[in-house]
Amino acid sequence: MAVKERVGLVVSDKMDKTVVVAVESRSAHSKYGKIVASTKRYKAHDEGNQCKTGDRVRIQETRPLSRTKRWQVIDVLTTSAQV
């Protein structure tokens, strides 16, 4: 079974060892054809508390770690200082 991976932006790092990552997906509207962007927020496990708000990260699906946390941070692609 393939492991799901997503790339998104950290929008909150206020919890301990947890970050909220907003992942944007774009798709064409079924009737009108216009490109519509939708955002989904995932809670991801960040073991070392290394992610900060504004970082671009890659997350991977994992076993349930808490009631709402099913993803973990794999690596930080860009930091907020580089943006």
PDB file of N, CA and C in Angstrom:
ATOM      1  N   MET A   1       0.840  -1.183   0.000  1.00  0.00           N
ATOM      2  CA  MET A   1       0.000   0.000   0.000  1.00  0.00           C
ATOM      3  C   MET A   1       0.881   1.241   0.000  1.00  0.00           C
ATOM      4  N   ALA A   2       0.567   2.185  -0.846  1.00  0.00           N
ATOM      5  CA  ALA A   2       1.351   3.411  -0.949  1.00  0.00           C
ATOM      6  C   ALA A   2       1.052   4.325   0.237  1.00  0.00           C
ATOM      7  N   VAL A   3       2.088   4.983   0.701  1.00  0.00           N
ATOM      8  CA  VAL A   3       1.941   5.911   1.816  1.00  0.00           C
ATOM      9  C   VAL A   3       1.625   7.285   1.258  1.00  0.00           C
ATOM     10  N   LYS A   4       0.580   7.926   1.791  1.00  0.00           N
ATOM     11  CA  LYS A   4       0.186   9.245   1.310  1.00  0.00           C
ATOM     12  C   LYS A   4       1.141  10.307   1.830  1.00  0.00           C
ATOM     13  N   GLU A   5       1.490  11.233   0.952  1.00  0.00           N
ATOM     14  CA  GLU A   5       2.332  12.368   1.331  1.00  0.00           C
ATOM     15  C   GLU A   5       1.690  13.645   0.810  1.00  0.00           C
ATOM     16  N   ARG A   6       1.829  14.718   1.552  1.00  0.00           N
ATOM     17  CA  ARG A   6       1.311  16.016   1.158  1.00  0.00           C
ATOM     18  C   ARG A   6       2.374  17.070   1.440  1.00  0.00           C
ATOM     19  N   VAL A   7       2.315  18.199   0.709  1.00  0.00           N
ATOM     20  CA  VAL A   7       3.191  19.339   0.948  1.00  0.00           C
ATOM     21  C   VAL A   7       2.297  20.516   1.285  1.00  0.00           C
ATOM     22  N   GLY A   8       2.606  21.189   2.392  1.00  0.00           N
ATOM     23  CA  GLY A   8       1.766  22.304   2.809  1.00  0.00           C
ATOM     24  C   GLY A   8       2.525  23.321   3.631  1.00  0.00           C
ATOM     25  N   LEU A   9       1.788  24.297   4.116  1.00  0.00           N
ATOM     26  CA  LEU A   9       2.331  25.425   4.865  1.00  0.00           C
ATOM     27  C   LEU A   9       1.910  25.314   6.329  1.00  0.00           C
ATOM     28  N   VAL A  10       2.852  25.495   7.242  1.00  0.00           N
ATOM     29  CA  VAL A  10       2.535  25.454   8.668  1.00  0.00           C
ATOM     30  C   VAL A  10       1.799  26.742   9.037  1.00  0.00           C
ATOM     31  N   VAL A  11       0.588  26.593   9.576  1.00  0.00           N
ATOM     32  CA  VAL A  11      -0.202  27.762   9.947  1.00  0.00           C
ATOM     33  C   VAL A  11      -0.286  27.952  11.463  1.00  0.00           C
ATOM     34  N   SER A  12       0.083  26.917  12.227  1.00  0.00           N
ATOM     35  CA  SER A  12       0.085  27.038  13.679  1.00  0.00           C
ATOM     36  C   SER A  12       1.113  26.089  14.266  1.00  0.00           C
ATOM     37  N   ASP A  13       1.879  26.593  15.264  1.00  0.00           N
ATOM     38  CA  ASP A  13       2.838  25.743  15.970  1.00  0.00           C
ATOM     39  C   ASP A  13       2.713  25.943  17.476  1.00  0.00           C
ATOM     40  N   LYS A  14       1.524  26.256  17.949  1.00  0.00           N
ATOM     41  CA  LYS A  14       1.329  26.592  19.355  1.00  0.00           C
ATOM     42  C   LYS A  14       1.251  25.371  20.268  1.00  0.00           C
ATOM     43  N   MET A  15       1.002  24.184  19.699  1.00  0.00           N
ATOM     44  CA  MET A  15       0.922  22.978  20.513  1.00  0.00           C
ATOM     45  C   MET A  15       2.306  22.349  20.655  1.00  0.00           C
ATOM     46  N   ASP A  16       2.461  21.518  21.677  1.00  0.00           N
ATOM     47  CA  ASP A  16       3.725  20.838  21.899  1.00  0.00           C
ATOM     48  C   ASP A  16       3.797  19.610  21.000  1.00  0.00           C
ATOM     49  N   LYS A  17       4.832  19.525  20.169  1.00  0.00           N
ATOM     50  CA  LYS A  17       5.089  18.420  19.253  1.00  0.00           C
ATOM     51  C   LYS A  17       3.987  18.227  18.209  1.00  0.00           C
ATOM     52  N   THR A  18       3.208  19.265  17.943  1.00  0.00           N
ATOM     53  CA  THR A  18       2.155  19.206  16.932  1.00  0.00           C
ATOM     54  C   THR A  18       2.121  20.511  16.158  1.00  0.00           C
ATOM     55  N   VAL A  19       1.980  20.411  14.841  1.00  0.00           N
ATOM     56  CA  VAL A  19       1.795  21.593  13.994  1.00  0.00           C
ATOM     57  C   VAL A  19       0.549  21.386  13.152  1.00  0.00           C
ATOM     58  N   VAL A  20      -0.069  22.500  12.754  1.00  0.00           N
ATOM     59  CA  VAL A  20      -1.212  22.447  11.850  1.00  0.00           C
ATOM     60  C   VAL A  20      -0.709  22.860  10.474  1.00  0.00           C
ATOM     61  N   VAL A  21      -0.910  21.977   9.492  1.00  0.00           N
ATOM     62  CA  VAL A  21      -0.412  22.194   8.137  1.00  0.00           C
ATOM     63  C   VAL A  21      -1.601  22.384   7.199  1.00  0.00           C
ATOM     64  N   ALA A  22      -1.616  23.504   6.461  1.00  0.00           N
ATOM     65  CA  ALA A  22      -2.662  23.769   5.477  1.00  0.00           C
ATOM     66  C   ALA A  22      -2.179  23.305   4.112  1.00  0.00           C
ATOM     67  N   VAL A  23      -2.922  22.385   3.516  1.00  0.00           N
ATOM     68  CA  VAL A  23      -2.589  21.841   2.203  1.00  0.00           C
ATOM     69  C   VAL A  23      -3.626  22.344   1.210  1.00  0.00           C
ATOM     70  N   GLU A  24      -3.148  23.002   0.151  1.00  0.00           N
ATOM     71  CA  GLU A  24      -4.049  23.556  -0.865  1.00  0.00           C
ATOM     72  C   GLU A  24      -4.102  22.623  -2.062  1.00  0.00           C
ATOM     73  N   SER A  25      -5.315  22.332  -2.516  1.00  0.00           N
ATOM     74  CA  SER A  25      -5.485  21.533  -3.730  1.00  0.00           C
ATOM     75  C   SER A  25      -6.304  22.331  -4.727  1.00  0.00           C
ATOM     76  N   ARG A  26      -5.950  22.195  -5.985  1.00  0.00           N
ATOM     77  CA  ARG A  26      -6.643  22.923  -7.051  1.00  0.00           C
ATOM     78  C   ARG A  26      -7.291  21.907  -7.985  1.00  0.00           C
ATOM     79  N   SER A  27      -8.541  22.192  -8.369  1.00  0.00           N
ATOM     80  CA  SER A  27      -9.243  21.321  -9.300  1.00  0.00           C
ATOM     81  C   SER A  27     -10.205  22.156 -10.119  1.00  0.00           C
ATOM     82  N   ALA A  28     -10.573  21.626 -11.260  1.00  0.00           N
ATOM     83  CA  ALA A  28     -11.503  22.325 -12.133  1.00  0.00           C
ATOM     84  C   ALA A  28     -12.932  22.093 -11.650  1.00  0.00           C
ATOM     85  N   HIS A  29     -13.740  23.137 -11.673  1.00  0.00           N
ATOM     86  CA  HIS A  29     -15.154  23.028 -11.315  1.00  0.00           C
ATOM     87  C   HIS A  29     -15.834  22.105 -12.327  1.00  0.00           C
ATOM     88  N   SER A  30     -16.718  21.218 -11.853  1.00  0.00           N
ATOM     89  CA  SER A  30     -17.294  20.213 -12.733  1.00  0.00           C
ATOM     90  C   SER A  30     -18.154  20.806 -13.845  1.00  0.00           C
ATOM     91  N   LYS A  31     -18.861  21.898 -13.553  1.00  0.00           N
ATOM     92  CA  LYS A  31     -19.747  22.480 -14.568  1.00  0.00           C
ATOM     93  C   LYS A  31     -19.097  23.630 -15.329  1.00  0.00           C
ATOM     94  N   TYR A  32     -18.422  24.524 -14.621  1.00  0.00           N
ATOM     95  CA  TYR A  32     -17.943  25.752 -15.238  1.00  0.00           C
ATOM     96  C   TYR A  32     -16.486  25.697 -15.691  1.00  0.00           C
ATOM     97  N   GLY A  33     -15.718  24.744 -15.191  1.00  0.00           N
ATOM     98  CA  GLY A  33     -14.350  24.586 -15.650  1.00  0.00           C
ATOM     99  C   GLY A  33     -13.337  25.511 -14.998  1.00  0.00           C
ATOM    100  N   LYS A  34     -13.797  26.442 -14.167  1.00  0.00           N
ATOM    101  CA  LYS A  34     -12.870  27.356 -13.500  1.00  0.00           C
ATOM    102  C   LYS A  34     -12.043  26.598 -12.462  1.00  0.00           C
ATOM    103  N   ILE A  35     -10.785  26.967 -12.322  1.00  0.00           N
ATOM    104  CA  ILE A  35      -9.922  26.338 -11.328  1.00  0.00           C
ATOM    105  C   ILE A  35     -10.295  26.868  -9.947  1.00  0.00           C
ATOM    106  N   VAL A  36     -10.630  25.949  -9.053  1.00  0.00           N
ATOM    107  CA  VAL A  36     -11.057  26.299  -7.705  1.00  0.00           C
ATOM    108  C   VAL A  36     -10.029  25.749  -6.718  1.00  0.00           C
ATOM    109  N   ALA A  37      -9.576  26.598  -5.803  1.00  0.00           N
ATOM    110  CA  ALA A  37      -8.615  26.169  -4.786  1.00  0.00           C
ATOM    111  C   ALA A  37      -9.361  25.865  -3.495  1.00  0.00           C
ATOM    112  N   SER A  38      -9.062  24.720  -2.889  1.00  0.00           N
ATOM    113  CA  SER A  38      -9.635  24.377  -1.597  1.00  0.00           C
ATOM    114  C   SER A  38      -8.496  24.040  -0.642  1.00  0.00           C
ATOM    115  N   THR A  39      -8.678  24.377   0.628  1.00  0.00           N
ATOM    116  CA  THR A  39      -7.646  24.177   1.636  1.00  0.00           C
ATOM    117  C   THR A  39      -8.134  23.196   2.687  1.00  0.00           C
ATOM    118  N   LYS A  40      -7.270  22.261   3.056  1.00  0.00           N
ATOM    119  CA  LYS A  40      -7.570  21.322   4.125  1.00  0.00           C
ATOM    120  C   LYS A  40      -6.447  21.401   5.151  1.00  0.00           C
ATOM    121  N   ARG A  41      -6.822  21.364   6.420  1.00  0.00           N
ATOM    122  CA  ARG A  41      -5.838  21.489   7.492  1.00  0.00           C
ATOM    123  C   ARG A  41      -5.621  20.129   8.155  1.00  0.00           C
ATOM    124  N   TYR A  42      -4.355  19.761   8.300  1.00  0.00           N
ATOM    125  CA  TYR A  42      -3.982  18.504   8.942  1.00  0.00           C
ATOM    126  C   TYR A  42      -3.156  18.810  10.185  1.00  0.00           C
ATOM    127  N   LYS A  43      -3.405  18.065  11.259  1.00  0.00           N
ATOM    128  CA  LYS A  43      -2.540  18.126  12.441  1.00  0.00           C
ATOM    129  C   LYS A  43      -1.454  17.077  12.238  1.00  0.00           C
ATOM    130  N   ALA A  44      -0.196  17.507  12.369  1.00  0.00           N
ATOM    131  CA  ALA A  44       0.930  16.615  12.116  1.00  0.00           C
ATOM    132  C   ALA A  44       1.868  16.599  13.317  1.00  0.00           C
ATOM    133  N   HIS A  45       2.466  15.433  13.559  1.00  0.00           N
ATOM    134  CA  HIS A  45       3.395  15.251  14.670  1.00  0.00           C
ATOM    135  C   HIS A  45       4.763  15.809  14.293  1.00  0.00           C
ATOM    136  N   ASP A  46       5.306  16.660  15.159  1.00  0.00           N
ATOM    137  CA  ASP A  46       6.621  17.276  14.963  1.00  0.00           C
ATOM    138  C   ASP A  46       7.453  16.964  16.205  1.00  0.00           C
ATOM    139  N   GLU A  47       8.190  15.863  16.163  1.00  0.00           N
ATOM    140  CA  GLU A  47       8.881  15.347  17.356  1.00  0.00           C
ATOM    141  C   GLU A  47       9.845  16.349  17.966  1.00  0.00           C
ATOM    142  N   GLY A  48      10.609  17.055  17.150  1.00  0.00           N
ATOM    143  CA  GLY A  48      11.628  17.951  17.684  1.00  0.00           C
ATOM    144  C   GLY A  48      11.197  19.391  17.841  1.00  0.00           C
ATOM    145  N   ASN A  49       9.930  19.693  17.637  1.00  0.00           N
ATOM    146  CA  ASN A  49       9.428  21.078  17.668  1.00  0.00           C
ATOM    147  C   ASN A  49      10.275  21.986  16.773  1.00  0.00           C
ATOM    148  N   GLN A  50      10.629  21.498  15.576  1.00  0.00           N
ATOM    149  CA  GLN A  50      11.506  22.247  14.685  1.00  0.00           C
ATOM    150  C   GLN A  50      10.748  23.150  13.725  1.00  0.00           C
ATOM    151  N   CYS A  51       9.473  22.888  13.480  1.00  0.00           N
ATOM    152  CA  CYS A  51       8.694  23.677  12.514  1.00  0.00           C
ATOM    153  C   CYS A  51       8.167  24.951  13.152  1.00  0.00           C
ATOM    154  N   LYS A  52       8.187  26.021  12.367  1.00  0.00           N
ATOM    155  CA  LYS A  52       7.648  27.306  12.795  1.00  0.00           C
ATOM    156  C   LYS A  52       6.563  27.732  11.814  1.00  0.00           C
ATOM    157  N   THR A  53       5.733  28.680  12.214  1.00  0.00           N
ATOM    158  CA  THR A  53       4.687  29.189  11.345  1.00  0.00           C
ATOM    159  C   THR A  53       5.306  29.791  10.089  1.00  0.00           C
ATOM    160  N   GLY A  54       4.770  29.413   8.933  1.00  0.00           N
ATOM    161  CA  GLY A  54       5.285  29.904   7.663  1.00  0.00           C
ATOM    162  C   GLY A  54       6.206  28.932   6.951  1.00  0.00           C
ATOM    163  N   ASP A  55       6.628  27.864   7.609  1.00  0.00           N
ATOM    164  CA  ASP A  55       7.492  26.868   6.976  1.00  0.00           C
ATOM    165  C   ASP A  55       6.702  26.028   5.973  1.00  0.00           C
ATOM    166  N   ARG A  56       7.372  25.619   4.893  1.00  0.00           N
ATOM    167  CA  ARG A  56       6.773  24.691   3.938  1.00  0.00           C
ATOM    168  C   ARG A  56       7.313  23.318   4.284  1.00  0.00           C
ATOM    169  N   VAL A  57       6.415  22.357   4.557  1.00  0.00           N
ATOM    170  CA  VAL A  57       6.819  21.037   5.040  1.00  0.00           C
ATOM    171  C   VAL A  57       6.174  19.928   4.217  1.00  0.00           C
ATOM    172  N   ARG A  58       6.792  18.751   4.289  1.00  0.00           N
ATOM    173  CA  ARG A  58       6.223  17.541   3.702  1.00  0.00           C
ATOM    174  C   ARG A  58       5.735  16.669   4.853  1.00  0.00           C
ATOM    175  N   ILE A  59       4.478  16.224   4.767  1.00  0.00           N
ATOM    176  CA  ILE A  59       3.915  15.365   5.810  1.00  0.00           C
ATOM    177  C   ILE A  59       3.543  14.011   5.207  1.00  0.00           C
ATOM    178  N   GLN A  60       3.518  13.002   6.078  1.00  0.00           N
ATOM    179  CA  GLN A  60       3.242  11.636   5.649  1.00  0.00           C
ATOM    180  C   GLN A  60       2.201  11.027   6.575  1.00  0.00           C
ATOM    181  N   GLU A  61       1.299  10.243   6.004  1.00  0.00           N
ATOM    182  CA  GLU A  61       0.273   9.587   6.796  1.00  0.00           C
ATOM    183  C   GLU A  61       0.897   8.513   7.681  1.00  0.00           C
ATOM    184  N   THR A  62       0.374   8.371   8.901  1.00  0.00           N
ATOM    185  CA  THR A  62       0.899   7.395   9.845  1.00  0.00           C
ATOM    186  C   THR A  62      -0.259   6.826  10.663  1.00  0.00           C
ATOM    187  N   ARG A  63       0.058   5.982  11.621  1.00  0.00           N
ATOM    188  CA  ARG A  63      -0.977   5.430  12.490  1.00  0.00           C
ATOM    189  C   ARG A  63      -1.572   6.546  13.343  1.00  0.00           C
ATOM    190  N   PRO A  64      -2.760   6.354  13.901  1.00  0.00           N
ATOM    191  CA  PRO A  64      -3.338   7.389  14.764  1.00  0.00           C
ATOM    192  C   PRO A  64      -2.459   7.652  15.991  1.00  0.00           C
ATOM    193  N   LEU A  65      -2.073   8.916  16.177  1.00  0.00           N
ATOM    194  CA  LEU A  65      -1.232   9.297  17.308  1.00  0.00           C
ATOM    195  C   LEU A  65      -2.048   9.940  18.420  1.00  0.00           C
ATOM    196  N   SER A  66      -3.205  10.497  18.078  1.00  0.00           N
ATOM    197  CA  SER A  66      -4.141  11.044  19.055  1.00  0.00           C
ATOM    198  C   SER A  66      -5.515  11.052  18.387  1.00  0.00           C
ATOM    199  N   ARG A  67      -6.479  11.731  18.985  1.00  0.00           N
ATOM    200  CA  ARG A  67      -7.823  11.724  18.425  1.00  0.00           C
ATOM    201  C   ARG A  67      -7.883  12.342  17.029  1.00  0.00           C
ATOM    202  N   THR A  68      -7.100  13.393  16.786  1.00  0.00           N
ATOM    203  CA  THR A  68      -7.166  14.087  15.502  1.00  0.00           C
ATOM    204  C   THR A  68      -5.850  14.048  14.720  1.00  0.00           C
ATOM    205  N   LYS A  69      -4.807  13.475  15.286  1.00  0.00           N
ATOM    206  CA  LYS A  69      -3.478  13.518  14.658  1.00  0.00           C
ATOM    207  C   LYS A  69      -3.165  12.191  13.973  1.00  0.00           C
ATOM    208  N   ARG A  70      -3.098  12.227  12.607  1.00  0.00           N
ATOM    209  CA  ARG A  70      -2.808  11.033  11.818  1.00  0.00           C
ATOM    210  C   ARG A  70      -1.672  11.251  10.837  1.00  0.00           C
ATOM    211  N   TRP A  71      -0.920  12.336  10.963  1.00  0.00           N
ATOM    212  CA  TRP A  71       0.152  12.674  10.036  1.00  0.00           C
ATOM    213  C   TRP A  71       1.406  13.012  10.823  1.00  0.00           C
ATOM    214  N   GLN A  72       2.574  12.887  10.173  1.00  0.00           N
ATOM    215  CA  GLN A  72       3.836  13.267  10.805  1.00  0.00           C
ATOM    216  C   GLN A  72       4.667  14.067   9.813  1.00  0.00           C
ATOM    217  N   VAL A  73       5.466  14.983  10.336  1.00  0.00           N
ATOM    218  CA  VAL A  73       6.333  15.807   9.499  1.00  0.00           C
ATOM    219  C   VAL A  73       7.534  14.971   9.081  1.00  0.00           C
ATOM    220  N   ILE A  74       7.774  14.909   7.764  1.00  0.00           N
ATOM    221  CA  ILE A  74       8.919  14.163   7.231  1.00  0.00           C
ATOM    222  C   ILE A  74      10.134  15.064   7.126  1.00  0.00           C
ATOM    223  N   ASP A  75       9.969  16.229   6.464  1.00  0.00           N
ATOM    224  CA  ASP A  75      11.070  17.168   6.378  1.00  0.00           C
ATOM    225  C   ASP A  75      10.550  18.581   6.115  1.00  0.00           C
ATOM    226  N   VAL A  76      11.409  19.558   6.452  1.00  0.00           N
ATOM    227  CA  VAL A  76      11.094  20.957   6.245  1.00  0.00           C
ATOM    228  C   VAL A  76      11.720  21.367   4.909  1.00  0.00           C
ATOM    229  N   LEU A  77      10.883  21.800   3.972  1.00  0.00           N
ATOM    230  CA  LEU A  77      11.388  22.148   2.642  1.00  0.00           C
ATOM    231  C   LEU A  77      11.979  23.554   2.619  1.00  0.00           C
ATOM    232  N   THR A  78      11.230  24.526   3.131  1.00  0.00           N
ATOM    233  CA  THR A  78      11.739  25.899   3.259  1.00  0.00           C
ATOM    234  C   THR A  78      11.308  26.433   4.610  1.00  0.00           C
ATOM    235  N   THR A  79      12.140  27.278   5.188  1.00  0.00           N
ATOM    236  CA  THR A  79      11.797  27.883   6.472  1.00  0.00           C
ATOM    237  C   THR A  79      11.161  29.237   6.239  1.00  0.00           C
ATOM    238  N   SER A  80      10.532  29.773   7.270  1.00  0.00           N
ATOM    239  CA  SER A  80       9.863  31.082   7.133  1.00  0.00           C
ATOM    240  C   SER A  80      10.869  32.193   6.919  1.00  0.00           C
ATOM    241  N   ALA A  81      12.120  32.009   7.326  1.00  0.00           N
ATOM    242  CA  ALA A  81      13.152  33.028   7.106  1.00  0.00           C
ATOM    243  C   ALA A  81      13.551  33.108   5.630  1.00  0.00           C
ATOM    244  N   GLN A  82      13.432  31.985   4.906  1.00  0.00           N
ATOM    245  CA  GLN A  82      13.793  31.956   3.493  1.00  0.00           C
ATOM    246  C   GLN A  82      12.707  32.527   2.600  1.00  0.00           C
ATOM    247  N   VAL A  83      11.468  32.553   3.088  1.00  0.00           N
ATOM    248  CA  VAL A  83      10.328  33.002   2.261  1.00  0.00           C
ATOM    249  C   VAL A  83      10.309  34.474   2.086  1.00  0.00           C
TER     250      VAL A  83
END
